[in-house]
Protein backbone atom coordinates (compact mmCIF):
# COMPACT_ATOMS: atom_id res chain seq x y z
CA MET A 1 211.56 -117.54 -66.80
CA LYS A 2 213.81 -115.93 -69.44
CA LYS A 3 214.13 -112.74 -67.30
CA GLY A 4 215.37 -114.81 -64.29
CA VAL A 5 217.85 -116.65 -66.43
CA LEU A 6 219.20 -113.41 -67.95
CA THR A 7 219.46 -111.92 -64.49
CA ALA A 8 221.39 -114.93 -63.13
CA ILE A 9 223.74 -114.80 -66.15
CA LEU A 10 224.33 -111.07 -65.71
CA MET A 11 224.97 -111.55 -61.89
CA SER A 12 227.38 -114.37 -62.69
CA VAL A 13 229.42 -112.28 -65.12
CA ALA A 14 229.54 -109.37 -62.74
CA ILE A 15 230.93 -111.67 -59.94
CA LEU A 16 233.50 -113.10 -62.27
CA LEU A 17 234.62 -109.66 -63.35
CA ALA A 18 234.84 -108.49 -59.75
CA ILE A 19 236.96 -111.50 -58.81
CA SER A 20 239.29 -111.30 -61.71
CA SER A 21 239.70 -107.42 -61.21
CA CYS A 22 240.71 -108.13 -57.57
CA ALA A 23 243.17 -110.72 -58.71
CA THR A 24 244.87 -108.36 -61.06
CA VAL A 25 245.33 -105.61 -58.35
CA THR A 26 247.46 -107.81 -55.95
CA LYS A 27 251.14 -107.90 -56.79
CA GLU A 28 253.82 -110.54 -56.11
CA PRO A 29 256.06 -109.46 -53.30
CA LEU A 30 259.41 -108.06 -54.51
CA GLY A 31 262.37 -110.38 -54.23
CA PRO A 32 265.70 -109.34 -52.78
CA GLY A 33 267.33 -106.65 -54.94
CA GLU A 34 264.20 -106.31 -57.25
CA LEU A 35 262.91 -103.07 -58.62
CA ARG A 36 259.28 -102.60 -59.98
CA LEU A 37 257.99 -99.53 -61.88
CA LEU A 38 254.70 -98.32 -60.85
CA SER A 39 253.86 -95.19 -63.17
CA LEU A 40 255.11 -92.25 -65.02
CA ASP A 41 254.36 -88.68 -63.96
CA VAL A 42 254.40 -86.58 -67.11
CA PRO A 43 254.05 -82.72 -66.66
CA ASP A 44 251.24 -80.65 -68.30
CA ASN A 45 248.97 -83.69 -68.83
CA GLY A 46 251.39 -84.95 -71.49
CA ASN A 47 251.14 -81.85 -73.71
CA LEU A 48 254.80 -81.11 -74.08
CA LYS A 49 256.74 -78.83 -76.36
CA SER A 50 258.91 -80.71 -78.87
CA GLY A 51 262.68 -80.19 -78.64
CA LEU A 52 262.76 -79.10 -74.96
CA ALA A 53 263.74 -81.24 -72.03
CA HIS A 54 260.85 -82.12 -69.68
CA TRP A 55 261.51 -83.70 -66.34
CA ILE A 56 259.69 -86.99 -65.97
CA SER A 57 259.16 -88.80 -62.74
CA ILE A 58 259.26 -92.56 -62.87
CA ASN A 59 257.59 -93.91 -59.64
CA PHE A 60 258.99 -97.27 -58.38
CA GLU A 61 259.13 -99.69 -55.54
CA ALA A 62 262.16 -101.52 -54.25
CA ASN A 63 263.05 -103.25 -51.01
CA ASP A 64 266.80 -102.11 -51.23
CA LYS A 65 268.78 -99.17 -52.47
CA LEU A 66 269.90 -100.36 -55.91
CA GLU A 67 272.35 -99.17 -58.53
CA ILE A 68 270.00 -97.77 -61.17
CA ARG A 69 271.77 -97.22 -64.46
CA ARG A 70 269.44 -95.91 -67.25
CA ALA A 71 265.83 -95.16 -68.03
CA CYS A 72 264.81 -96.14 -71.45
CA PHE A 73 261.89 -94.81 -73.41
CA THR A 74 260.05 -95.99 -76.49
CA TYR A 75 257.70 -93.93 -78.56
CA SER A 76 254.85 -96.04 -80.22
CA GLY A 77 257.31 -98.84 -80.98
CA ASP A 78 260.36 -96.85 -82.04
CA GLY A 79 263.45 -98.50 -80.58
CA PRO A 80 264.56 -97.42 -77.09
CA SER A 81 266.20 -94.05 -76.25
CA CYS A 82 268.06 -94.34 -72.96
CA VAL A 83 269.35 -91.68 -70.53
CA ALA A 84 271.66 -92.05 -67.53
CA VAL A 85 269.85 -91.86 -64.17
CA LYS A 86 271.23 -89.54 -61.61
CA ASN A 87 268.36 -88.36 -59.46
CA VAL A 88 266.87 -91.18 -57.44
CA LYS A 89 264.84 -90.82 -54.30
CA TYR A 90 264.16 -93.87 -52.16
CA GLY A 91 261.48 -94.49 -49.57
CA SER A 92 257.76 -94.90 -49.45
CA ASP A 93 257.30 -92.39 -52.40
CA ALA A 94 260.34 -93.59 -54.42
CA TYR A 95 260.92 -92.02 -57.80
CA ILE A 96 263.62 -91.42 -60.51
CA GLU A 97 263.70 -88.08 -62.34
CA VAL A 98 265.04 -87.86 -65.88
CA PRO A 99 264.96 -85.44 -68.66
CA LEU A 100 262.87 -86.37 -71.74
CA TYR A 101 262.80 -84.80 -75.18
CA VAL A 102 259.44 -85.37 -76.82
CA ARG A 103 258.94 -85.85 -80.51
CA PRO A 104 256.17 -84.14 -82.42
CA ASN A 105 252.69 -85.73 -82.78
CA THR A 106 250.86 -87.92 -80.26
CA ASN A 107 252.81 -90.87 -79.08
CA LYS A 108 252.49 -93.74 -76.70
CA LEU A 109 255.43 -93.40 -74.34
CA GLU A 110 256.67 -96.69 -72.69
CA CYS A 111 259.43 -96.76 -70.20
CA TYR A 112 261.63 -99.36 -68.47
CA VAL A 113 264.66 -99.03 -66.27
CA GLU A 114 268.03 -100.96 -66.19
CA TYR A 115 269.45 -101.70 -62.87
CA VAL A 116 272.19 -103.89 -61.18
CA ARG A 117 271.06 -107.10 -59.43
CA ASP A 118 273.39 -109.87 -58.44
CA GLY A 119 276.18 -108.27 -60.47
CA LYS A 120 274.06 -108.37 -63.71
CA ILE A 121 272.13 -105.63 -65.56
CA ARG A 122 268.49 -106.29 -65.13
CA ARG A 123 265.47 -104.74 -66.84
CA THR A 124 262.25 -103.78 -64.99
CA ASN A 125 258.70 -104.08 -66.09
CA THR A 126 257.39 -101.48 -68.52
CA VAL A 127 254.96 -98.66 -67.75
CA LEU A 128 253.28 -96.28 -70.22
CA SER A 129 251.81 -92.97 -70.62
CA TYR A 130 250.55 -90.92 -73.49
CA VAL A 131 252.25 -87.76 -74.60
CA THR A 132 251.57 -85.15 -77.30
CA GLY A 133 254.63 -83.28 -78.60
CA VAL A 134 253.67 -79.80 -79.85
CA TYR A 135 255.84 -77.28 -81.61
């Protein structure tokens, strides 16, 4: 009897986890003029030399060509450091390329982008990656 109850409980938990993971995969459709970040592509598996510019790709989706102003990076909670965006590729594999100067030591790197929507500066969602700045 106890084995049957335990099996039923475990199966229920597994089903609930499967349902909740499917629910988090789906995304709301983009609104007009909206931009959503998908991920960061960091070269060399995030093991970057400190003090040198490394080109980071920020993957995004948008349903329009938007005016993208700045990409802003935060290291482990330190205030944002922003760079002007000049290299943008639109389409099914849309991305932004910006130079990034990495600080020494291991850091959680968070990124958001500022863009113009309805005449106002808007901020995207935040994506993250881990980097290790080495000398």
